[in-house]
Amino acid sequence: MAIEDMVTNEALLAEKARIPGHVVYRPFVKETVVLNLQTGKYHGLNPSGGRMLELIERSATIEAAAQQLAEEYGSPLETIQADLCDLCRDLIERGLIEVGPPDAGD
């Protein structure tokens, strides 16, 4: 079952995203490079995707990151939420982030 079938956007937005210990990333001007040390695969994110990754890691919830991004980009919150959830699902499937309750592991 694909991640999009398991978790609704509403449920995903309430979660806290964490970058596992086997993942490192570094922002550059034109992209953010993310490396999964377990698989040895590099992944590139455009500047918007890199900013999203930075904020979901630092924010209390994915929803909080979406709110900040909507303010920064001057875009409708619903659009940012959908885009952010799509990115999170992709990152989860690639083993680049994990999500869970906001208070878990803090």
C-alpha atoms as a PDB file:
ATOM      1  CA  MET A   1       0.000   0.000   0.000  1.00  0.00           C
ATOM      2  CA  ALA A   2       1.371   3.393  -0.968  1.00  0.00           C
ATOM      3  CA  ILE A   3       1.804   6.078   1.667  1.00  0.00           C
ATOM      4  CA  GLU A   4      -0.841   8.275   0.011  1.00  0.00           C
ATOM      5  CA  ASP A   5      -3.380   5.522   0.627  1.00  0.00           C
ATOM      6  CA  MET A   6      -2.465   5.229   4.307  1.00  0.00           C
ATOM      7  CA  VAL A   7      -2.486   8.815   5.525  1.00  0.00           C
ATOM      8  CA  THR A   8      -4.860  11.657   4.714  1.00  0.00           C
ATOM      9  CA  ASN A   9      -3.484  15.165   4.315  1.00  0.00           C
ATOM     10  CA  GLU A  10      -5.252  16.198   7.515  1.00  0.00           C
ATOM     11  CA  ALA A  11      -3.575  13.420   9.504  1.00  0.00           C
ATOM     12  CA  LEU A  12      -0.179  14.080   7.941  1.00  0.00           C
ATOM     13  CA  LEU A  13      -0.374  17.810   8.699  1.00  0.00           C
ATOM     14  CA  ALA A  14      -0.808  17.005  12.416  1.00  0.00           C
ATOM     15  CA  GLU A  15       2.434  14.991  12.483  1.00  0.00           C
ATOM     16  CA  LYS A  16       6.006  16.046  13.288  1.00  0.00           C
ATOM     17  CA  ALA A  17       8.596  15.295  10.599  1.00  0.00           C
ATOM     18  CA  ARG A  18      12.052  14.129  11.641  1.00  0.00           C
ATOM     19  CA  ILE A  19      15.137  13.451   9.592  1.00  0.00           C
ATOM     20  CA  PRO A  20      16.537  10.045  10.538  1.00  0.00           C
ATOM     21  CA  GLY A  21      20.175   9.657  11.544  1.00  0.00           C
ATOM     22  CA  HIS A  22      21.001   7.911   8.268  1.00  0.00           C
ATOM     23  CA  VAL A  23      20.026  11.004   6.242  1.00  0.00           C
ATOM     24  CA  VAL A  24      22.089  14.143   5.722  1.00  0.00           C
ATOM     25  CA  TYR A  25      21.315  17.177   3.624  1.00  0.00           C
ATOM     26  CA  ARG A  26      22.981  20.359   2.540  1.00  0.00           C
ATOM     27  CA  PRO A  27      21.396  23.393   0.914  1.00  0.00           C
ATOM     28  CA  PHE A  28      23.070  25.057  -2.041  1.00  0.00           C
ATOM     29  CA  VAL A  29      21.909  28.082  -4.038  1.00  0.00           C
ATOM     30  CA  LYS A  30      20.139  26.119  -6.787  1.00  0.00           C
ATOM     31  CA  GLU A  31      19.240  22.917  -4.935  1.00  0.00           C
ATOM     32  CA  THR A  32      19.351  21.010  -1.690  1.00  0.00           C
ATOM     33  CA  VAL A  33      21.188  17.701  -1.844  1.00  0.00           C
ATOM     34  CA  VAL A  34      19.848  14.946   0.405  1.00  0.00           C
ATOM     35  CA  LEU A  35      21.820  11.725   0.952  1.00  0.00           C
ATOM     36  CA  ASN A  36      20.388   8.515   2.334  1.00  0.00           C
ATOM     37  CA  LEU A  37      23.460   6.839   3.844  1.00  0.00           C
ATOM     38  CA  GLN A  38      21.681   3.465   4.016  1.00  0.00           C
ATOM     39  CA  THR A  39      21.032   3.322   0.284  1.00  0.00           C
ATOM     40  CA  GLY A  40      23.875   5.558  -0.897  1.00  0.00           C
ATOM     41  CA  LYS A  41      21.415   7.494  -3.056  1.00  0.00           C
ATOM     42  CA  TYR A  42      21.501  11.248  -3.513  1.00  0.00           C
ATOM     43  CA  HIS A  43      18.303  13.199  -4.037  1.00  0.00           C
ATOM     44  CA  GLY A  44      18.034  16.777  -5.259  1.00  0.00           C
ATOM     45  CA  LEU A  45      15.368  19.243  -4.193  1.00  0.00           C
ATOM     46  CA  ASN A  46      14.731  22.554  -5.931  1.00  0.00           C
ATOM     47  CA  PRO A  47      14.968  25.694  -3.747  1.00  0.00           C
ATOM     48  CA  SER A  48      11.284  25.500  -2.752  1.00  0.00           C
ATOM     49  CA  GLY A  49      11.597  21.818  -1.836  1.00  0.00           C
ATOM     50  CA  GLY A  50      14.754  22.552   0.144  1.00  0.00           C
ATOM     51  CA  ARG A  51      12.970  25.281   2.097  1.00  0.00           C
ATOM     52  CA  MET A  52      10.081  22.910   2.756  1.00  0.00           C
ATOM     53  CA  LEU A  53      12.492  20.270   4.101  1.00  0.00           C
ATOM     54  CA  GLU A  54      14.185  22.824   6.341  1.00  0.00           C
ATOM     55  CA  LEU A  55      10.884  24.019   7.795  1.00  0.00           C
ATOM     56  CA  ILE A  56       9.293  20.609   8.335  1.00  0.00           C
ATOM     57  CA  GLU A  57      12.384  19.565  10.262  1.00  0.00           C
ATOM     58  CA  ARG A  58      12.314  22.672  12.489  1.00  0.00           C
ATOM     59  CA  SER A  59       8.547  23.067  12.962  1.00  0.00           C
ATOM     60  CA  ALA A  60       6.425  21.486  15.680  1.00  0.00           C
ATOM     61  CA  THR A  61       4.117  19.997  13.030  1.00  0.00           C
ATOM     62  CA  ILE A  62       3.913  19.797   9.260  1.00  0.00           C
ATOM     63  CA  GLU A  63       0.900  22.126   9.524  1.00  0.00           C
ATOM     64  CA  ALA A  64       3.030  24.759  11.268  1.00  0.00           C
ATOM     65  CA  ALA A  65       5.566  24.514   8.440  1.00  0.00           C
ATOM     66  CA  ALA A  66       2.753  24.918   5.887  1.00  0.00           C
ATOM     67  CA  GLN A  67       1.512  28.056   7.625  1.00  0.00           C
ATOM     68  CA  GLN A  68       4.975  29.610   7.610  1.00  0.00           C
ATOM     69  CA  LEU A  69       5.523  28.691   3.953  1.00  0.00           C
ATOM     70  CA  ALA A  70       2.151  30.186   2.971  1.00  0.00           C
ATOM     71  CA  GLU A  71       3.182  33.444   4.636  1.00  0.00           C
ATOM     72  CA  GLU A  72       6.659  33.438   3.086  1.00  0.00           C
ATOM     73  CA  TYR A  73       5.467  32.674  -0.442  1.00  0.00           C
ATOM     74  CA  GLY A  74       2.184  34.600  -0.280  1.00  0.00           C
ATOM     75  CA  SER A  75       0.339  31.512  -1.495  1.00  0.00           C
ATOM     76  CA  PRO A  76      -3.000  30.065  -0.363  1.00  0.00           C
ATOM     77  CA  LEU A  77      -2.574  27.822   2.683  1.00  0.00           C
ATOM     78  CA  GLU A  78      -4.553  24.996   1.052  1.00  0.00           C
ATOM     79  CA  THR A  79      -2.176  24.940  -1.932  1.00  0.00           C
ATOM     80  CA  ILE A  80       0.894  24.881   0.290  1.00  0.00           C
ATOM     81  CA  GLN A  81      -0.614  22.147   2.473  1.00  0.00           C
ATOM     82  CA  ALA A  82      -1.287  19.919  -0.556  1.00  0.00           C
ATOM     83  CA  ASP A  83       2.181  20.506  -2.016  1.00  0.00           C
ATOM     84  CA  LEU A  84       3.865  19.924   1.333  1.00  0.00           C
ATOM     85  CA  CYS A  85       1.946  16.694   1.934  1.00  0.00           C
ATOM     86  CA  ASP A  86       2.946  15.456  -1.536  1.00  0.00           C
ATOM     87  CA  LEU A  87       6.599  16.237  -0.786  1.00  0.00           C
ATOM     88  CA  CYS A  88       6.405  14.547   2.621  1.00  0.00           C
ATOM     89  CA  ARG A  89       4.935  11.385   1.107  1.00  0.00           C
ATOM     90  CA  ASP A  90       7.743  11.301  -1.457  1.00  0.00           C
ATOM     91  CA  LEU A  91      10.397  11.825   1.224  1.00  0.00           C
ATOM     92  CA  ILE A  92       8.825   9.126   3.433  1.00  0.00           C
ATOM     93  CA  GLU A  93       8.806   6.623   0.563  1.00  0.00           C
ATOM     94  CA  ARG A  94      12.507   7.345  -0.071  1.00  0.00           C
ATOM     95  CA  GLY A  95      13.373   6.938   3.621  1.00  0.00           C
ATOM     96  CA  LEU A  96      14.433  10.582   3.919  1.00  0.00           C
ATOM     97  CA  ILE A  97      12.013  11.617   6.684  1.00  0.00           C
ATOM     98  CA  GLU A  98       9.953   9.912   9.346  1.00  0.00           C
ATOM     99  CA  VAL A  99       6.731  11.276  10.808  1.00  0.00           C
ATOM    100  CA  GLY A 100       5.057  10.758  14.133  1.00  0.00           C
ATOM    101  CA  PRO A 101       3.233  12.526  16.934  1.00  0.00           C
ATOM    102  CA  PRO A 102       4.656  15.974  17.714  1.00  0.00           C
ATOM    103  CA  ASP A 103       5.782  14.974  21.209  1.00  0.00           C
ATOM    104  CA  ALA A 104       7.363  11.619  20.247  1.00  0.00           C
ATOM    105  CA  GLY A 105      11.119  11.510  20.603  1.00  0.00           C
ATOM    106  CA  ASP A 106      11.484  15.110  21.759  1.00  0.00           C
END
